[in-house]
Amino acid sequence: MPDRWATFDCYGTLIDWNGGIRAELASIFGVGDADRLLVRYHELEPEIEREDPSRSYRVVLAEALRRLAAEEDLGLTDEDALARSLPDWRPFPEVPDVLEELRARGWRLAILSNTDPDLLAASIERIGVPVDLRVVASEIGSYKPAHGHWERFFAESGAEAGWHVHVAASHLHDVVPAAELGLRSVWINRLGESKTEPRPTRELRDLAQLPEVLDELVPA
């Protein structure tokens, strides 16, 4: 029987990406503007990734912070603040136990992330659960929602599409390309967003029920 594979986005899905970025924006620019600046940050980061997919994620973080400060005419003395803070960003509370349960049920785990190897390694250490495979943007010269992460994953893992499910919190970066590739997906809609098309295979508010949902989609 082929291995069952669950691939995950990391930031926003496993690690509290919004919380980590917002806390750093509040530290740099003040608490009062943090929520508003976070919204604009979410627009800037994918623009920068599309401009030059060869950029490391550390450079993307710095450039997004620099542009945000310039647009707002805010002082910025440390462009590397986000990258330096990232290893301290925390996993969502349910994540470690759910990943351990998936491993106990025989699932193999991979992370497909728009990041750098050292930053992802720090986050996996924070989570405390090993994964079988990692695909990161700076090693393949491609940022999601482009298809490069999935192409590399299938090439390296030998996984069969019928025994695979992708799990992620970003509709744009993950659900859309998974649908384009004909892959099953579970959208972890932590923010209660309203999206119409394409629809994921399943939608959950967090990872708590994920083991049961994955076993339903790909029975052992």
N, C-alpha and C. Protein backbone atom coordinates (compact mmCIF):
# COMPACT_ATOMS: atom_id res chain seq x y z
N MET A 1 0.84 -1.19 0.00
CA MET A 1 0.00 0.00 0.00
C MET A 1 0.88 1.25 0.00
N PRO A 2 0.57 2.25 -0.82
CA PRO A 2 1.37 3.48 -0.83
C PRO A 2 1.29 4.21 0.51
N ASP A 3 2.32 5.02 0.77
CA ASP A 3 2.28 5.86 1.96
C ASP A 3 1.19 6.93 1.82
N ARG A 4 0.58 7.24 2.94
CA ARG A 4 -0.35 8.38 2.98
C ARG A 4 0.46 9.62 3.37
N TRP A 5 0.33 10.68 2.56
CA TRP A 5 1.08 11.90 2.79
C TRP A 5 0.14 13.06 3.06
N ALA A 6 0.42 13.82 4.12
CA ALA A 6 -0.24 15.11 4.36
C ALA A 6 0.83 16.18 4.25
N THR A 7 0.62 17.12 3.32
CA THR A 7 1.53 18.25 3.22
C THR A 7 0.87 19.47 3.87
N PHE A 8 1.70 20.31 4.46
CA PHE A 8 1.21 21.46 5.21
C PHE A 8 1.92 22.73 4.78
N ASP A 9 1.17 23.82 4.71
CA ASP A 9 1.79 25.12 4.82
C ASP A 9 2.20 25.30 6.28
N CYS A 10 3.17 26.16 6.53
CA CYS A 10 3.61 26.35 7.92
C CYS A 10 3.03 27.59 8.56
N TYR A 11 3.29 28.75 7.97
CA TYR A 11 2.99 30.02 8.64
C TYR A 11 1.55 30.45 8.38
N GLY A 12 0.78 30.47 9.46
CA GLY A 12 -0.65 30.70 9.38
C GLY A 12 -1.43 29.42 9.59
N THR A 13 -0.79 28.29 9.29
CA THR A 13 -1.43 26.97 9.43
C THR A 13 -0.95 26.28 10.71
N LEU A 14 0.38 26.17 10.86
CA LEU A 14 0.97 25.53 12.03
C LEU A 14 1.51 26.56 13.03
N ILE A 15 2.11 27.61 12.49
CA ILE A 15 2.71 28.68 13.30
C ILE A 15 1.83 29.93 13.19
N ASP A 16 1.66 30.63 14.31
CA ASP A 16 0.83 31.84 14.33
C ASP A 16 1.56 32.99 13.65
N TRP A 17 1.44 33.03 12.33
CA TRP A 17 2.11 34.01 11.47
C TRP A 17 1.58 35.41 11.75
N ASN A 18 0.26 35.57 11.76
CA ASN A 18 -0.32 36.88 12.04
C ASN A 18 0.11 37.40 13.40
N GLY A 19 0.07 36.54 14.39
CA GLY A 19 0.46 36.96 15.73
C GLY A 19 1.91 37.38 15.80
N GLY A 20 2.78 36.63 15.12
CA GLY A 20 4.20 36.96 15.14
C GLY A 20 4.49 38.27 14.44
N ILE A 21 3.90 38.47 13.27
CA ILE A 21 4.15 39.71 12.52
C ILE A 21 3.53 40.90 13.25
N ARG A 22 2.30 40.73 13.72
CA ARG A 22 1.64 41.85 14.40
C ARG A 22 2.43 42.29 15.63
N ALA A 23 2.92 41.33 16.40
CA ALA A 23 3.69 41.68 17.60
C ALA A 23 4.93 42.49 17.24
N GLU A 24 5.58 42.13 16.15
CA GLU A 24 6.80 42.85 15.76
C GLU A 24 6.46 44.23 15.20
N LEU A 25 5.36 44.33 14.43
CA LEU A 25 4.94 45.64 13.94
C LEU A 25 4.58 46.56 15.11
N ALA A 26 3.93 46.00 16.12
CA ALA A 26 3.58 46.79 17.30
C ALA A 26 4.83 47.26 18.03
N SER A 27 5.83 46.38 18.09
CA SER A 27 7.07 46.73 18.77
C SER A 27 7.82 47.85 18.03
N ILE A 28 7.79 47.79 16.69
CA ILE A 28 8.54 48.76 15.89
C ILE A 28 7.79 50.09 15.75
N PHE A 29 6.48 49.99 15.42
CA PHE A 29 5.73 51.18 15.03
C PHE A 29 4.68 51.63 16.05
N GLY A 30 4.44 50.83 17.06
CA GLY A 30 3.44 51.18 18.06
C GLY A 30 2.19 50.33 17.95
N VAL A 31 1.59 50.03 19.09
CA VAL A 31 0.44 49.14 19.15
C VAL A 31 -0.75 49.71 18.38
N GLY A 32 -0.93 51.02 18.42
CA GLY A 32 -2.11 51.62 17.82
C GLY A 32 -2.24 51.40 16.33
N ASP A 33 -1.12 51.28 15.62
CA ASP A 33 -1.15 51.11 14.17
C ASP A 33 -0.95 49.67 13.72
N ALA A 34 -0.74 48.76 14.65
CA ALA A 34 -0.31 47.40 14.27
C ALA A 34 -1.33 46.68 13.41
N ASP A 35 -2.61 46.75 13.76
CA ASP A 35 -3.63 46.02 12.99
C ASP A 35 -3.74 46.57 11.56
N ARG A 36 -3.72 47.88 11.43
CA ARG A 36 -3.82 48.49 10.11
C ARG A 36 -2.59 48.16 9.27
N LEU A 37 -1.43 48.22 9.86
CA LEU A 37 -0.19 47.92 9.13
C LEU A 37 -0.12 46.45 8.74
N LEU A 38 -0.69 45.57 9.57
CA LEU A 38 -0.68 44.15 9.24
C LEU A 38 -1.47 43.89 7.97
N VAL A 39 -2.60 44.57 7.79
CA VAL A 39 -3.39 44.41 6.57
C VAL A 39 -2.56 44.79 5.35
N ARG A 40 -1.87 45.90 5.41
CA ARG A 40 -1.05 46.33 4.29
C ARG A 40 0.14 45.40 4.08
N TYR A 41 0.71 44.90 5.17
CA TYR A 41 1.82 43.96 5.05
C TYR A 41 1.42 42.74 4.23
N HIS A 42 0.19 42.25 4.46
CA HIS A 42 -0.29 41.07 3.74
C HIS A 42 -0.41 41.33 2.24
N GLU A 43 -0.57 42.58 1.85
CA GLU A 43 -0.61 42.92 0.44
C GLU A 43 0.79 43.04 -0.15
N LEU A 44 1.71 43.57 0.63
CA LEU A 44 3.07 43.81 0.13
C LEU A 44 3.86 42.52 -0.05
N GLU A 45 3.76 41.59 0.90
CA GLU A 45 4.63 40.41 0.85
C GLU A 45 4.46 39.61 -0.44
N PRO A 46 3.24 39.24 -0.86
CA PRO A 46 3.13 38.48 -2.11
C PRO A 46 3.56 39.28 -3.34
N GLU A 47 3.39 40.60 -3.31
CA GLU A 47 3.87 41.41 -4.43
C GLU A 47 5.38 41.27 -4.58
N ILE A 48 6.08 41.32 -3.47
CA ILE A 48 7.54 41.22 -3.48
C ILE A 48 7.98 39.83 -3.93
N GLU A 49 7.28 38.82 -3.49
CA GLU A 49 7.61 37.44 -3.90
C GLU A 49 7.43 37.26 -5.40
N ARG A 50 6.37 37.85 -5.96
CA ARG A 50 6.15 37.73 -7.40
C ARG A 50 7.20 38.49 -8.21
N GLU A 51 7.67 39.59 -7.69
CA GLU A 51 8.65 40.40 -8.41
C GLU A 51 9.93 39.62 -8.70
N ASP A 52 10.39 38.87 -7.74
CA ASP A 52 11.66 38.14 -7.89
C ASP A 52 11.62 36.88 -7.04
N PRO A 53 11.18 35.75 -7.62
CA PRO A 53 11.07 34.51 -6.85
C PRO A 53 12.41 33.97 -6.35
N SER A 54 13.52 34.53 -6.86
CA SER A 54 14.82 34.05 -6.39
C SER A 54 15.21 34.67 -5.05
N ARG A 55 14.49 35.68 -4.60
CA ARG A 55 14.79 36.29 -3.31
C ARG A 55 14.59 35.28 -2.18
N SER A 56 15.47 35.30 -1.21
CA SER A 56 15.24 34.51 -0.01
C SER A 56 14.09 35.12 0.78
N TYR A 57 13.48 34.33 1.63
CA TYR A 57 12.36 34.85 2.42
C TYR A 57 12.85 35.91 3.41
N ARG A 58 14.08 35.76 3.89
CA ARG A 58 14.65 36.76 4.78
C ARG A 58 14.69 38.13 4.09
N VAL A 59 15.06 38.13 2.81
CA VAL A 59 15.09 39.38 2.04
C VAL A 59 13.67 39.89 1.81
N VAL A 60 12.73 38.99 1.54
CA VAL A 60 11.33 39.39 1.35
C VAL A 60 10.81 40.08 2.61
N LEU A 61 11.06 39.51 3.77
CA LEU A 61 10.61 40.11 5.02
C LEU A 61 11.19 41.51 5.21
N ALA A 62 12.47 41.64 4.93
CA ALA A 62 13.12 42.94 5.10
C ALA A 62 12.57 43.97 4.13
N GLU A 63 12.37 43.57 2.87
CA GLU A 63 11.86 44.50 1.87
C GLU A 63 10.43 44.90 2.16
N ALA A 64 9.61 43.97 2.61
CA ALA A 64 8.23 44.30 2.96
C ALA A 64 8.19 45.30 4.11
N LEU A 65 9.03 45.09 5.10
CA LEU A 65 9.07 46.01 6.23
C LEU A 65 9.58 47.38 5.79
N ARG A 66 10.57 47.41 4.92
CA ARG A 66 11.12 48.68 4.44
C ARG A 66 10.06 49.46 3.66
N ARG A 67 9.34 48.76 2.75
CA ARG A 67 8.31 49.44 1.95
C ARG A 67 7.16 49.93 2.82
N LEU A 68 6.80 49.12 3.80
CA LEU A 68 5.72 49.52 4.70
C LEU A 68 6.09 50.81 5.43
N ALA A 69 7.31 50.87 5.94
CA ALA A 69 7.76 52.06 6.65
C ALA A 69 7.81 53.27 5.72
N ALA A 70 8.28 53.05 4.49
CA ALA A 70 8.39 54.15 3.54
C ALA A 70 7.01 54.70 3.17
N GLU A 71 6.05 53.81 2.92
CA GLU A 71 4.70 54.24 2.58
C GLU A 71 4.06 55.07 3.69
N GLU A 72 4.33 54.68 4.90
CA GLU A 72 3.70 55.32 6.06
C GLU A 72 4.54 56.47 6.61
N ASP A 73 5.71 56.70 5.99
CA ASP A 73 6.64 57.72 6.46
C ASP A 73 6.98 57.50 7.93
N LEU A 74 7.30 56.23 8.23
CA LEU A 74 7.65 55.83 9.58
C LEU A 74 9.14 55.53 9.65
N GLY A 75 9.73 55.81 10.77
CA GLY A 75 11.14 55.51 10.94
C GLY A 75 11.38 54.02 11.09
N LEU A 76 12.46 53.53 10.46
CA LEU A 76 12.81 52.11 10.56
C LEU A 76 14.32 52.00 10.70
N THR A 77 14.76 51.44 11.80
CA THR A 77 16.19 51.31 12.04
C THR A 77 16.69 49.89 11.87
N ASP A 78 15.78 48.93 11.77
CA ASP A 78 16.19 47.52 11.71
C ASP A 78 15.31 46.77 10.72
N GLU A 79 15.75 46.67 9.47
CA GLU A 79 14.97 45.98 8.45
C GLU A 79 14.89 44.48 8.69
N ASP A 80 15.79 43.93 9.49
CA ASP A 80 15.84 42.49 9.72
C ASP A 80 15.03 42.05 10.94
N ALA A 81 14.24 42.96 11.49
CA ALA A 81 13.54 42.65 12.74
C ALA A 81 12.58 41.48 12.60
N LEU A 82 11.84 41.41 11.48
CA LEU A 82 10.88 40.31 11.31
C LEU A 82 11.59 38.97 11.22
N ALA A 83 12.63 38.90 10.41
CA ALA A 83 13.35 37.63 10.26
C ALA A 83 13.96 37.18 11.58
N ARG A 84 14.47 38.13 12.34
CA ARG A 84 15.09 37.76 13.61
C ARG A 84 14.05 37.29 14.62
N SER A 85 12.82 37.82 14.52
CA SER A 85 11.78 37.41 15.47
C SER A 85 11.12 36.09 15.10
N LEU A 86 11.21 35.70 13.84
CA LEU A 86 10.44 34.54 13.35
C LEU A 86 10.69 33.25 14.15
N PRO A 87 11.92 32.90 14.53
CA PRO A 87 12.10 31.66 15.29
C PRO A 87 11.33 31.61 16.61
N ASP A 88 10.89 32.77 17.11
CA ASP A 88 10.14 32.80 18.35
C ASP A 88 8.63 32.75 18.15
N TRP A 89 8.16 32.80 16.90
CA TRP A 89 6.73 32.73 16.65
C TRP A 89 6.21 31.37 17.10
N ARG A 90 5.05 31.36 17.73
CA ARG A 90 4.58 30.16 18.41
C ARG A 90 3.64 29.33 17.53
N PRO A 91 3.65 28.03 17.71
CA PRO A 91 2.65 27.20 17.04
C PRO A 91 1.28 27.42 17.66
N PHE A 92 0.23 27.19 16.87
CA PHE A 92 -1.12 27.21 17.42
C PHE A 92 -1.25 26.08 18.45
N PRO A 93 -2.07 26.26 19.48
CA PRO A 93 -2.07 25.33 20.62
C PRO A 93 -2.30 23.87 20.25
N GLU A 94 -3.17 23.59 19.27
CA GLU A 94 -3.51 22.20 18.97
C GLU A 94 -2.50 21.49 18.08
N VAL A 95 -1.57 22.26 17.49
CA VAL A 95 -0.73 21.71 16.42
C VAL A 95 0.15 20.54 16.85
N PRO A 96 0.95 20.64 17.91
CA PRO A 96 1.83 19.51 18.23
C PRO A 96 1.08 18.19 18.44
N ASP A 97 -0.01 18.22 19.20
CA ASP A 97 -0.75 16.98 19.46
C ASP A 97 -1.36 16.41 18.18
N VAL A 98 -1.86 17.27 17.31
CA VAL A 98 -2.47 16.79 16.07
C VAL A 98 -1.42 16.15 15.17
N LEU A 99 -0.27 16.78 15.03
CA LEU A 99 0.78 16.19 14.19
C LEU A 99 1.27 14.86 14.77
N GLU A 100 1.39 14.79 16.08
CA GLU A 100 1.78 13.51 16.71
C GLU A 100 0.73 12.44 16.44
N GLU A 101 -0.55 12.80 16.51
CA GLU A 101 -1.62 11.85 16.24
C GLU A 101 -1.57 11.37 14.80
N LEU A 102 -1.31 12.28 13.87
CA LEU A 102 -1.22 11.88 12.46
C LEU A 102 -0.07 10.90 12.25
N ARG A 103 1.05 11.15 12.86
CA ARG A 103 2.17 10.21 12.74
C ARG A 103 1.80 8.86 13.33
N ALA A 104 1.10 8.86 14.46
CA ALA A 104 0.68 7.61 15.08
C ALA A 104 -0.27 6.83 14.19
N ARG A 105 -1.06 7.52 13.37
CA ARG A 105 -1.99 6.87 12.45
C ARG A 105 -1.33 6.47 11.13
N GLY A 106 -0.04 6.70 11.01
CA GLY A 106 0.68 6.26 9.84
C GLY A 106 0.85 7.28 8.73
N TRP A 107 0.44 8.51 8.97
CA TRP A 107 0.60 9.55 7.96
C TRP A 107 2.05 10.02 7.93
N ARG A 108 2.57 10.22 6.72
CA ARG A 108 3.85 10.90 6.56
C ARG A 108 3.57 12.39 6.36
N LEU A 109 4.46 13.22 6.91
CA LEU A 109 4.22 14.65 6.97
C LEU A 109 5.29 15.40 6.19
N ALA A 110 4.85 16.41 5.45
CA ALA A 110 5.77 17.30 4.74
C ALA A 110 5.29 18.73 4.91
N ILE A 111 6.23 19.66 4.88
CA ILE A 111 5.91 21.08 4.92
C ILE A 111 6.38 21.74 3.64
N LEU A 112 5.46 22.46 2.99
CA LEU A 112 5.74 23.21 1.77
C LEU A 112 5.59 24.67 2.12
N SER A 113 6.70 25.41 2.21
CA SER A 113 6.64 26.73 2.83
C SER A 113 7.37 27.79 2.02
N ASN A 114 6.79 28.99 2.02
CA ASN A 114 7.44 30.15 1.42
C ASN A 114 8.44 30.75 2.40
N THR A 115 9.53 30.05 2.62
CA THR A 115 10.50 30.51 3.63
C THR A 115 11.89 30.00 3.29
N ASP A 116 12.81 30.11 4.25
CA ASP A 116 14.19 29.66 4.10
C ASP A 116 14.43 28.45 5.00
N PRO A 117 15.42 27.61 4.67
CA PRO A 117 15.63 26.38 5.44
C PRO A 117 15.86 26.61 6.93
N ASP A 118 16.68 27.60 7.28
CA ASP A 118 16.99 27.80 8.69
C ASP A 118 15.80 28.33 9.47
N LEU A 119 15.00 29.19 8.84
CA LEU A 119 13.81 29.72 9.51
C LEU A 119 12.78 28.61 9.74
N LEU A 120 12.58 27.77 8.72
CA LEU A 120 11.63 26.67 8.89
C LEU A 120 12.13 25.67 9.92
N ALA A 121 13.44 25.42 9.94
CA ALA A 121 13.98 24.49 10.93
C ALA A 121 13.71 24.98 12.35
N ALA A 122 13.83 26.29 12.57
CA ALA A 122 13.56 26.85 13.89
C ALA A 122 12.09 26.68 14.27
N SER A 123 11.21 26.83 13.28
CA SER A 123 9.77 26.68 13.56
C SER A 123 9.42 25.23 13.85
N ILE A 124 10.01 24.29 13.11
CA ILE A 124 9.74 22.87 13.37
C ILE A 124 10.24 22.49 14.76
N GLU A 125 11.36 23.05 15.16
CA GLU A 125 11.86 22.80 16.52
C GLU A 125 10.88 23.34 17.55
N ARG A 126 10.29 24.48 17.29
CA ARG A 126 9.28 25.04 18.18
C ARG A 126 8.07 24.12 18.30
N ILE A 127 7.64 23.55 17.16
CA ILE A 127 6.49 22.65 17.17
C ILE A 127 6.82 21.37 17.93
N GLY A 128 8.03 20.86 17.73
CA GLY A 128 8.48 19.70 18.48
C GLY A 128 8.08 18.36 17.91
N VAL A 129 7.64 18.33 16.64
CA VAL A 129 7.24 17.09 15.98
C VAL A 129 8.03 16.98 14.68
N PRO A 130 8.72 15.86 14.44
CA PRO A 130 9.50 15.75 13.21
C PRO A 130 8.61 15.62 11.98
N VAL A 131 9.14 16.07 10.84
CA VAL A 131 8.46 15.88 9.56
C VAL A 131 9.39 15.11 8.63
N ASP A 132 8.80 14.50 7.62
CA ASP A 132 9.56 13.62 6.73
C ASP A 132 10.22 14.36 5.57
N LEU A 133 9.68 15.52 5.20
CA LEU A 133 10.19 16.22 4.02
C LEU A 133 9.86 17.70 4.15
N ARG A 134 10.79 18.53 3.68
CA ARG A 134 10.58 19.98 3.70
C ARG A 134 10.89 20.52 2.30
N VAL A 135 10.02 21.40 1.82
CA VAL A 135 10.27 22.11 0.55
C VAL A 135 10.11 23.59 0.85
N VAL A 136 11.18 24.36 0.62
CA VAL A 136 11.15 25.78 0.95
C VAL A 136 11.45 26.62 -0.29
N ALA A 137 10.87 27.82 -0.32
CA ALA A 137 10.92 28.67 -1.50
C ALA A 137 12.34 29.01 -1.92
N SER A 138 13.20 29.33 -0.95
CA SER A 138 14.53 29.81 -1.32
C SER A 138 15.40 28.72 -1.93
N GLU A 139 15.03 27.46 -1.75
CA GLU A 139 15.80 26.37 -2.35
C GLU A 139 15.32 26.01 -3.75
N ILE A 140 14.09 26.37 -4.08
CA ILE A 140 13.56 26.00 -5.39
C ILE A 140 13.32 27.21 -6.28
N GLY A 141 13.53 28.41 -5.77
CA GLY A 141 13.36 29.62 -6.57
C GLY A 141 11.92 29.85 -7.00
N SER A 142 10.98 29.50 -6.13
CA SER A 142 9.57 29.62 -6.46
C SER A 142 8.78 29.85 -5.19
N TYR A 143 7.83 30.79 -5.26
CA TYR A 143 6.94 31.06 -4.14
C TYR A 143 5.52 30.64 -4.50
N LYS A 144 4.84 29.99 -3.56
CA LYS A 144 3.42 29.73 -3.75
C LYS A 144 2.70 31.07 -3.91
N PRO A 145 1.69 31.14 -4.77
CA PRO A 145 0.85 30.07 -5.33
C PRO A 145 1.36 29.42 -6.62
N ALA A 146 2.60 29.72 -7.06
CA ALA A 146 3.16 28.94 -8.16
C ALA A 146 3.24 27.47 -7.75
N HIS A 147 3.39 26.59 -8.72
CA HIS A 147 3.26 25.15 -8.46
C HIS A 147 4.56 24.46 -8.07
N GLY A 148 5.65 25.22 -7.96
CA GLY A 148 6.96 24.61 -7.76
C GLY A 148 7.08 23.75 -6.52
N HIS A 149 6.43 24.15 -5.43
CA HIS A 149 6.53 23.37 -4.19
C HIS A 149 5.96 21.97 -4.37
N TRP A 150 4.80 21.88 -5.02
CA TRP A 150 4.18 20.56 -5.21
C TRP A 150 4.97 19.73 -6.21
N GLU A 151 5.50 20.34 -7.23
CA GLU A 151 6.31 19.60 -8.20
C GLU A 151 7.53 19.00 -7.52
N ARG A 152 8.19 19.79 -6.66
CA ARG A 152 9.35 19.27 -5.94
C ARG A 152 8.93 18.19 -4.94
N PHE A 153 7.82 18.41 -4.24
CA PHE A 153 7.37 17.43 -3.27
C PHE A 153 7.13 16.07 -3.92
N PHE A 154 6.38 16.04 -5.01
CA PHE A 154 6.08 14.75 -5.64
C PHE A 154 7.35 14.12 -6.21
N ALA A 155 8.26 14.93 -6.73
CA ALA A 155 9.50 14.38 -7.27
C ALA A 155 10.36 13.75 -6.18
N GLU A 156 10.41 14.39 -5.00
CA GLU A 156 11.29 13.89 -3.94
C GLU A 156 10.65 12.78 -3.11
N SER A 157 9.35 12.84 -2.94
CA SER A 157 8.68 11.88 -2.05
C SER A 157 8.25 10.60 -2.75
N GLY A 158 8.00 10.69 -4.05
CA GLY A 158 7.41 9.56 -4.75
C GLY A 158 5.96 9.33 -4.37
N ALA A 159 5.34 10.31 -3.72
CA ALA A 159 3.96 10.17 -3.29
C ALA A 159 3.03 10.05 -4.49
N GLU A 160 1.92 9.37 -4.28
CA GLU A 160 0.87 9.27 -5.29
C GLU A 160 -0.23 10.26 -4.96
N ALA A 161 -0.70 10.99 -5.96
CA ALA A 161 -1.68 12.05 -5.73
C ALA A 161 -2.93 11.53 -5.02
N GLY A 162 -3.33 10.31 -5.30
CA GLY A 162 -4.53 9.75 -4.69
C GLY A 162 -4.36 9.42 -3.22
N TRP A 163 -3.12 9.45 -2.73
CA TRP A 163 -2.84 9.15 -1.33
C TRP A 163 -2.30 10.38 -0.60
N HIS A 164 -2.63 11.54 -1.13
CA HIS A 164 -2.07 12.80 -0.63
C HIS A 164 -3.19 13.81 -0.39
N VAL A 165 -3.02 14.63 0.68
CA VAL A 165 -3.92 15.75 0.96
C VAL A 165 -3.05 16.94 1.39
N HIS A 166 -3.38 18.13 0.87
CA HIS A 166 -2.67 19.34 1.27
C HIS A 166 -3.51 20.11 2.28
N VAL A 167 -2.86 20.61 3.34
CA VAL A 167 -3.54 21.28 4.45
C VAL A 167 -2.94 22.67 4.61
N ALA A 168 -3.80 23.70 4.59
CA ALA A 168 -3.24 25.05 4.64
C ALA A 168 -4.30 26.08 5.03
N ALA A 169 -3.82 27.22 5.53
CA ALA A 169 -4.71 28.30 5.96
C ALA A 169 -4.91 29.36 4.89
N SER A 170 -4.04 29.40 3.88
CA SER A 170 -4.15 30.45 2.86
C SER A 170 -4.93 29.93 1.65
N HIS A 171 -6.05 30.57 1.36
CA HIS A 171 -6.81 30.20 0.16
C HIS A 171 -6.01 30.53 -1.09
N LEU A 172 -5.45 31.73 -1.15
CA LEU A 172 -4.72 32.18 -2.33
C LEU A 172 -3.48 31.35 -2.58
N HIS A 173 -2.67 31.16 -1.56
CA HIS A 173 -1.36 30.53 -1.75
C HIS A 173 -1.43 29.01 -1.84
N ASP A 174 -2.50 28.39 -1.32
CA ASP A 174 -2.51 26.93 -1.20
C ASP A 174 -3.75 26.26 -1.76
N VAL A 175 -4.92 26.73 -1.41
CA VAL A 175 -6.13 26.09 -1.91
C VAL A 175 -6.26 26.26 -3.42
N VAL A 176 -5.98 27.46 -3.90
CA VAL A 176 -6.09 27.72 -5.35
C VAL A 176 -5.14 26.84 -6.15
N PRO A 177 -3.83 26.82 -5.85
CA PRO A 177 -2.95 25.96 -6.64
C PRO A 177 -3.25 24.47 -6.47
N ALA A 178 -3.67 24.05 -5.27
CA ALA A 178 -4.03 22.64 -5.11
C ALA A 178 -5.17 22.28 -6.05
N ALA A 179 -6.16 23.16 -6.16
CA ALA A 179 -7.28 22.91 -7.08
C ALA A 179 -6.79 22.88 -8.52
N GLU A 180 -5.89 23.78 -8.87
CA GLU A 180 -5.35 23.81 -10.24
C GLU A 180 -4.62 22.51 -10.57
N LEU A 181 -4.01 21.91 -9.57
CA LEU A 181 -3.26 20.67 -9.77
C LEU A 181 -4.12 19.42 -9.59
N GLY A 182 -5.40 19.60 -9.29
CA GLY A 182 -6.29 18.47 -9.10
C GLY A 182 -6.04 17.72 -7.80
N LEU A 183 -5.55 18.41 -6.78
CA LEU A 183 -5.23 17.78 -5.50
C LEU A 183 -6.31 18.07 -4.47
N ARG A 184 -6.49 17.13 -3.54
CA ARG A 184 -7.41 17.37 -2.43
C ARG A 184 -6.77 18.32 -1.43
N SER A 185 -7.60 19.16 -0.82
CA SER A 185 -7.09 20.12 0.15
C SER A 185 -8.04 20.24 1.32
N VAL A 186 -7.46 20.57 2.48
CA VAL A 186 -8.23 20.94 3.66
C VAL A 186 -7.84 22.37 4.01
N TRP A 187 -8.82 23.26 3.93
CA TRP A 187 -8.59 24.67 4.22
C TRP A 187 -8.80 24.90 5.71
N ILE A 188 -7.75 25.32 6.40
CA ILE A 188 -7.84 25.67 7.82
C ILE A 188 -8.17 27.16 7.89
N ASN A 189 -9.45 27.44 7.92
CA ASN A 189 -9.94 28.81 7.80
C ASN A 189 -10.01 29.45 9.19
N ARG A 190 -8.85 29.74 9.74
CA ARG A 190 -8.76 30.27 11.10
C ARG A 190 -9.40 31.65 11.23
N LEU A 191 -9.43 32.42 10.15
CA LEU A 191 -9.91 33.80 10.21
C LEU A 191 -11.38 33.93 9.83
N GLY A 192 -12.04 32.81 9.51
CA GLY A 192 -13.44 32.87 9.12
C GLY A 192 -13.66 33.64 7.84
N GLU A 193 -12.75 33.47 6.88
CA GLU A 193 -12.85 34.20 5.62
C GLU A 193 -13.99 33.64 4.76
N SER A 194 -14.52 34.49 3.90
CA SER A 194 -15.55 34.08 2.96
C SER A 194 -14.93 33.98 1.57
N LYS A 195 -14.75 32.78 1.10
CA LYS A 195 -14.23 32.53 -0.25
C LYS A 195 -15.22 31.65 -0.98
N THR A 196 -15.27 31.81 -2.28
CA THR A 196 -16.20 31.00 -3.06
C THR A 196 -15.48 29.95 -3.90
N GLU A 197 -14.68 30.38 -4.83
CA GLU A 197 -14.04 29.43 -5.73
C GLU A 197 -12.53 29.65 -5.78
N PRO A 198 -11.80 28.57 -5.93
CA PRO A 198 -12.26 27.19 -5.86
C PRO A 198 -12.50 26.76 -4.42
N ARG A 199 -13.39 25.82 -4.26
CA ARG A 199 -13.67 25.30 -2.93
C ARG A 199 -12.64 24.24 -2.56
N PRO A 200 -12.22 24.20 -1.30
CA PRO A 200 -11.37 23.09 -0.85
C PRO A 200 -12.19 21.81 -0.76
N THR A 201 -11.51 20.70 -0.60
CA THR A 201 -12.21 19.44 -0.39
C THR A 201 -12.93 19.44 0.95
N ARG A 202 -12.29 19.98 1.97
CA ARG A 202 -12.90 20.14 3.29
C ARG A 202 -12.46 21.49 3.85
N GLU A 203 -13.25 22.01 4.80
CA GLU A 203 -12.92 23.25 5.48
C GLU A 203 -13.07 23.07 6.98
N LEU A 204 -12.04 23.48 7.73
CA LEU A 204 -12.05 23.40 9.18
C LEU A 204 -11.63 24.74 9.76
N ARG A 205 -12.01 25.01 11.00
CA ARG A 205 -11.62 26.26 11.65
C ARG A 205 -10.22 26.16 12.26
N ASP A 206 -9.82 24.94 12.68
CA ASP A 206 -8.47 24.72 13.18
C ASP A 206 -8.12 23.26 12.89
N LEU A 207 -7.03 22.77 13.46
CA LEU A 207 -6.57 21.42 13.12
C LEU A 207 -7.16 20.33 14.03
N ALA A 208 -7.99 20.68 14.98
CA ALA A 208 -8.40 19.72 16.01
C ALA A 208 -9.00 18.44 15.43
N GLN A 209 -9.84 18.56 14.40
CA GLN A 209 -10.50 17.39 13.81
C GLN A 209 -9.78 16.86 12.58
N LEU A 210 -8.57 17.37 12.34
CA LEU A 210 -7.88 16.99 11.10
C LEU A 210 -7.58 15.49 10.98
N PRO A 211 -7.14 14.79 12.04
CA PRO A 211 -6.87 13.36 11.87
C PRO A 211 -8.08 12.58 11.35
N GLU A 212 -9.25 12.88 11.88
CA GLU A 212 -10.45 12.17 11.43
C GLU A 212 -10.78 12.52 9.98
N VAL A 213 -10.63 13.81 9.62
CA VAL A 213 -10.93 14.23 8.25
C VAL A 213 -9.96 13.60 7.26
N LEU A 214 -8.69 13.58 7.58
CA LEU A 214 -7.72 12.97 6.66
C LEU A 214 -7.95 11.47 6.52
N ASP A 215 -8.28 10.81 7.61
CA ASP A 215 -8.57 9.38 7.51
C ASP A 215 -9.82 9.12 6.68
N GLU A 216 -10.76 10.04 6.71
CA GLU A 216 -11.94 9.90 5.86
C GLU A 216 -11.58 10.09 4.38
N LEU A 217 -10.72 11.05 4.09
CA LEU A 217 -10.36 11.32 2.70
C LEU A 217 -9.45 10.24 2.12
N VAL A 218 -8.54 9.72 2.94
CA VAL A 218 -7.64 8.64 2.48
C VAL A 218 -7.63 7.56 3.55
N PRO A 219 -8.58 6.63 3.49
CA PRO A 219 -8.63 5.58 4.51
C PRO A 219 -7.37 4.72 4.50
N ALA A 220 -6.97 4.26 5.67
CA ALA A 220 -5.79 3.41 5.78
C ALA A 220 -6.06 2.07 5.11
